[in-house]
Amino acid sequence: MNIKNDATAAGNRNSDEEWLWISSAMNKHRGWSPNWVAYNNSGEWLIQIKQSNKHKRFYLTAPALYDALNALQDGKIKAAFVRLVARDETVLAQLSALNVWGKLARIKPRQGDYGDYWALNINFDPVVYNEIDKQSPI
């Protein structure tokens, strides 16, 4: 699998013409919403997460990450990224989906209004809701 440097995929959802943004209807249908998903002609996939207003966290939907990882494994895409953006869509951070999965694999997604998700901080670390969970060896 050819995974590019985490800084490879660049740009803003509204201004970067390289990315082809999936429709809102498709995002909802696949369970990716409220995340935005895009792809480009280079075989890259992007999950973009806007920072929440209330807690300043980032909520990654499990189906979006699982679908990206499955597409990588099946050879449908060459690379996948998770991008964190501010409310004004300024890019704050970006990491390969495989590296994000490396941080989340031991953490069961939470159930929310949009389905299963992980809450992330700006470093892509999962937000742990209590100290007992945080100390769990598995």
C-alpha atoms as a PDB file:
ATOM      1  CA  MET A   1       0.000   0.000   0.000  1.00  0.00           C
ATOM      2  CA  ASN A   2       1.454   3.359  -0.998  1.00  0.00           C
ATOM      3  CA  ILE A   3       0.584   5.772   1.807  1.00  0.00           C
ATOM      4  CA  LYS A   4       1.723   9.328   1.204  1.00  0.00           C
ATOM      5  CA  ASN A   5       3.053  11.726   3.804  1.00  0.00           C
ATOM      6  CA  ASP A   6       0.269  13.097   5.982  1.00  0.00           C
ATOM      7  CA  ALA A   7       0.736  16.582   4.530  1.00  0.00           C
ATOM      8  CA  THR A   8       0.129  15.449   0.923  1.00  0.00           C
ATOM      9  CA  ALA A   9      -3.602  16.101   0.728  1.00  0.00           C
ATOM     10  CA  ALA A  10      -4.116  19.835   1.056  1.00  0.00           C
ATOM     11  CA  GLY A  11      -6.722  22.486   0.523  1.00  0.00           C
ATOM     12  CA  ASN A  12     -10.080  23.626   1.763  1.00  0.00           C
ATOM     13  CA  ARG A  13     -13.427  21.916   1.136  1.00  0.00           C
ATOM     14  CA  ASN A  14     -14.844  24.968  -0.611  1.00  0.00           C
ATOM     15  CA  SER A  15     -11.804  26.128  -2.558  1.00  0.00           C
ATOM     16  CA  ASP A  16      -9.680  23.150  -3.520  1.00  0.00           C
ATOM     17  CA  GLU A  17     -10.790  22.030  -6.960  1.00  0.00           C
ATOM     18  CA  GLU A  18      -8.654  18.879  -6.795  1.00  0.00           C
ATOM     19  CA  TRP A  19     -11.092  17.267  -4.356  1.00  0.00           C
ATOM     20  CA  LEU A  20     -14.458  15.948  -5.525  1.00  0.00           C
ATOM     21  CA  TRP A  21     -16.833  16.287  -2.583  1.00  0.00           C
ATOM     22  CA  ILE A  22     -19.452  13.606  -1.993  1.00  0.00           C
ATOM     23  CA  SER A  23     -23.021  14.936  -1.828  1.00  0.00           C
ATOM     24  CA  SER A  24     -24.749  15.540   1.470  1.00  0.00           C
ATOM     25  CA  ALA A  25     -27.325  12.865   0.559  1.00  0.00           C
ATOM     26  CA  MET A  26     -24.601  10.253  -0.024  1.00  0.00           C
ATOM     27  CA  ASN A  27     -22.808  11.278   3.183  1.00  0.00           C
ATOM     28  CA  LYS A  28     -26.017  10.713   5.146  1.00  0.00           C
ATOM     29  CA  HIS A  29     -26.885   7.483   3.328  1.00  0.00           C
ATOM     30  CA  ARG A  30     -23.464   5.922   4.051  1.00  0.00           C
ATOM     31  CA  GLY A  31     -23.441   7.090   7.689  1.00  0.00           C
ATOM     32  CA  TRP A  32     -20.480   9.435   7.122  1.00  0.00           C
ATOM     33  CA  SER A  33     -22.359  12.610   8.069  1.00  0.00           C
ATOM     34  CA  PRO A  34     -21.729  15.002   9.756  1.00  0.00           C
ATOM     35  CA  ASN A  35     -18.206  14.402   8.379  1.00  0.00           C
ATOM     36  CA  TRP A  36     -17.545  15.397   4.776  1.00  0.00           C
ATOM     37  CA  VAL A  37     -15.917  12.917   2.424  1.00  0.00           C
ATOM     38  CA  ALA A  38     -14.033  13.616  -0.799  1.00  0.00           C
ATOM     39  CA  TYR A  39     -11.779  11.857  -3.275  1.00  0.00           C
ATOM     40  CA  ASN A  40      -9.420  12.944  -6.015  1.00  0.00           C
ATOM     41  CA  ASN A  41      -8.118  11.583  -9.298  1.00  0.00           C
ATOM     42  CA  SER A  42      -4.876  10.487  -7.615  1.00  0.00           C
ATOM     43  CA  GLY A  43      -6.711   7.739  -5.731  1.00  0.00           C
ATOM     44  CA  GLU A  44      -6.800   9.559  -2.394  1.00  0.00           C
ATOM     45  CA  TRP A  45      -9.737   9.679   0.004  1.00  0.00           C
ATOM     46  CA  LEU A  46     -10.375  12.427   2.555  1.00  0.00           C
ATOM     47  CA  ILE A  47     -12.580  12.551   5.638  1.00  0.00           C
ATOM     48  CA  GLN A  48     -12.982  16.140   6.798  1.00  0.00           C
ATOM     49  CA  ILE A  49     -14.220  16.872  10.308  1.00  0.00           C
ATOM     50  CA  LYS A  50     -15.360  20.302  11.428  1.00  0.00           C
ATOM     51  CA  GLN A  51     -14.683  21.264  15.032  1.00  0.00           C
ATOM     52  CA  SER A  52     -17.780  21.225  17.227  1.00  0.00           C
ATOM     53  CA  ASN A  53     -19.114  24.487  18.574  1.00  0.00           C
ATOM     54  CA  LYS A  54     -19.870  23.257  22.050  1.00  0.00           C
ATOM     55  CA  HIS A  55     -16.865  21.182  23.153  1.00  0.00           C
ATOM     56  CA  LYS A  56     -14.259  22.181  20.527  1.00  0.00           C
ATOM     57  CA  ARG A  57     -13.761  18.486  19.796  1.00  0.00           C
ATOM     58  CA  PHE A  58     -13.830  16.646  16.491  1.00  0.00           C
ATOM     59  CA  TYR A  59     -16.310  13.810  15.956  1.00  0.00           C
ATOM     60  CA  LEU A  60     -15.195  11.118  13.520  1.00  0.00           C
ATOM     61  CA  THR A  61     -17.977   8.819  12.372  1.00  0.00           C
ATOM     62  CA  ALA A  62     -17.017   5.159  12.555  1.00  0.00           C
ATOM     63  CA  PRO A  63     -18.526   4.267   9.132  1.00  0.00           C
ATOM     64  CA  ALA A  64     -16.386   6.934   7.415  1.00  0.00           C
ATOM     65  CA  LEU A  65     -13.165   5.559   8.911  1.00  0.00           C
ATOM     66  CA  TYR A  66     -14.161   1.898   8.426  1.00  0.00           C
ATOM     67  CA  ASP A  67     -15.093   2.509   4.779  1.00  0.00           C
ATOM     68  CA  ALA A  68     -11.781   4.283   4.135  1.00  0.00           C
ATOM     69  CA  LEU A  69      -9.785   1.458   5.737  1.00  0.00           C
ATOM     70  CA  ASN A  70     -11.727  -1.186   3.798  1.00  0.00           C
ATOM     71  CA  ALA A  71     -11.193   0.692   0.524  1.00  0.00           C
ATOM     72  CA  LEU A  72      -7.450   0.842   1.262  1.00  0.00           C
ATOM     73  CA  GLN A  73      -7.337  -2.859   2.040  1.00  0.00           C
ATOM     74  CA  ASP A  74      -9.290  -3.712  -1.129  1.00  0.00           C
ATOM     75  CA  GLY A  75      -7.012  -1.541  -3.274  1.00  0.00           C
ATOM     76  CA  LYS A  76      -9.841   0.804  -4.303  1.00  0.00           C
ATOM     77  CA  ILE A  77      -7.854   3.834  -3.125  1.00  0.00           C
ATOM     78  CA  LYS A  78      -4.133   4.503  -2.686  1.00  0.00           C
ATOM     79  CA  ALA A  79      -4.290   6.679   0.441  1.00  0.00           C
ATOM     80  CA  ALA A  80      -6.813   7.977   2.953  1.00  0.00           C
ATOM     81  CA  PHE A  81      -6.590  10.958   5.265  1.00  0.00           C
ATOM     82  CA  VAL A  82      -8.531  12.422   8.162  1.00  0.00           C
ATOM     83  CA  ARG A  83      -8.474  16.216   8.254  1.00  0.00           C
ATOM     84  CA  LEU A  84      -9.535  18.423  11.162  1.00  0.00           C
ATOM     85  CA  VAL A  85     -10.836  21.889  10.316  1.00  0.00           C
ATOM     86  CA  ALA A  86     -11.960  24.899  12.342  1.00  0.00           C
ATOM     87  CA  ARG A  87     -15.522  26.207  12.130  1.00  0.00           C
ATOM     88  CA  ASP A  88     -14.405  28.504   9.275  1.00  0.00           C
ATOM     89  CA  GLU A  89     -12.885  25.424   7.546  1.00  0.00           C
ATOM     90  CA  THR A  90      -9.286  26.485   8.128  1.00  0.00           C
ATOM     91  CA  VAL A  91      -7.221  23.297   8.095  1.00  0.00           C
ATOM     92  CA  LEU A  92      -5.875  22.590  11.595  1.00  0.00           C
ATOM     93  CA  ALA A  93      -4.384  19.108  11.268  1.00  0.00           C
ATOM     94  CA  GLN A  94      -4.282  16.079   9.017  1.00  0.00           C
ATOM     95  CA  LEU A  95      -3.201  12.474   9.512  1.00  0.00           C
ATOM     96  CA  SER A  96      -3.385   9.306   7.448  1.00  0.00           C
ATOM     97  CA  ALA A  97      -6.434   7.166   8.165  1.00  0.00           C
ATOM     98  CA  LEU A  98      -4.122   4.291   9.101  1.00  0.00           C
ATOM     99  CA  ASN A  99      -2.404   6.427  11.738  1.00  0.00           C
ATOM    100  CA  VAL A 100      -5.768   7.589  13.060  1.00  0.00           C
ATOM    101  CA  TRP A 101      -6.894   3.959  13.262  1.00  0.00           C
ATOM    102  CA  GLY A 102      -3.695   3.189  15.186  1.00  0.00           C
ATOM    103  CA  LYS A 103      -4.880   5.611  17.857  1.00  0.00           C
ATOM    104  CA  LEU A 104      -8.495   4.370  17.882  1.00  0.00           C
ATOM    105  CA  ALA A 105      -8.321   0.606  17.369  1.00  0.00           C
ATOM    106  CA  ARG A 106      -8.575  -0.148  21.109  1.00  0.00           C
ATOM    107  CA  ILE A 107     -11.394   2.324  21.727  1.00  0.00           C
ATOM    108  CA  LYS A 108     -14.977   1.277  21.092  1.00  0.00           C
ATOM    109  CA  PRO A 109     -16.923   4.000  19.256  1.00  0.00           C
ATOM    110  CA  ARG A 110     -19.634   5.783  21.192  1.00  0.00           C
ATOM    111  CA  GLN A 111     -23.255   5.819  20.019  1.00  0.00           C
ATOM    112  CA  GLY A 112     -24.654   9.227  19.123  1.00  0.00           C
ATOM    113  CA  ASP A 113     -27.367  10.976  17.144  1.00  0.00           C
ATOM    114  CA  TYR A 114     -25.554  10.251  13.863  1.00  0.00           C
ATOM    115  CA  GLY A 115     -24.469   6.706  14.755  1.00  0.00           C
ATOM    116  CA  ASP A 116     -21.149   5.392  16.047  1.00  0.00           C
ATOM    117  CA  TYR A 117     -18.332   7.913  16.453  1.00  0.00           C
ATOM    118  CA  TRP A 118     -15.119   8.768  18.258  1.00  0.00           C
ATOM    119  CA  ALA A 119     -14.483  12.150  19.862  1.00  0.00           C
ATOM    120  CA  LEU A 120     -10.966  13.375  19.033  1.00  0.00           C
ATOM    121  CA  ASN A 121      -8.762  16.186  20.226  1.00  0.00           C
ATOM    122  CA  ILE A 122      -6.564  18.264  17.917  1.00  0.00           C
ATOM    123  CA  ASN A 123      -3.824  15.563  18.085  1.00  0.00           C
ATOM    124  CA  PHE A 124      -6.253  12.861  16.879  1.00  0.00           C
ATOM    125  CA  ASP A 125      -6.180  11.278  20.326  1.00  0.00           C
ATOM    126  CA  PRO A 126      -9.516   9.870  21.475  1.00  0.00           C
ATOM    127  CA  VAL A 127     -11.247  11.857  24.171  1.00  0.00           C
ATOM    128  CA  VAL A 128     -11.592   9.398  27.056  1.00  0.00           C
ATOM    129  CA  TYR A 129     -14.582  10.051  29.233  1.00  0.00           C
ATOM    130  CA  ASN A 130     -13.326   8.623  32.504  1.00  0.00           C
ATOM    131  CA  GLU A 131     -10.098   7.512  34.166  1.00  0.00           C
ATOM    132  CA  ILE A 132     -11.109   3.829  34.365  1.00  0.00           C
ATOM    133  CA  ASP A 133     -11.447   3.679  30.560  1.00  0.00           C
ATOM    134  CA  LYS A 134      -8.201   5.583  30.171  1.00  0.00           C
ATOM    135  CA  GLN A 135      -6.246   3.025  32.245  1.00  0.00           C
ATOM    136  CA  SER A 136      -7.649  -0.079  30.518  1.00  0.00           C
ATOM    137  CA  PRO A 137      -4.818  -2.312  29.217  1.00  0.00           C
ATOM    138  CA  ILE A 138      -6.944  -3.539  26.252  1.00  0.00           C
END
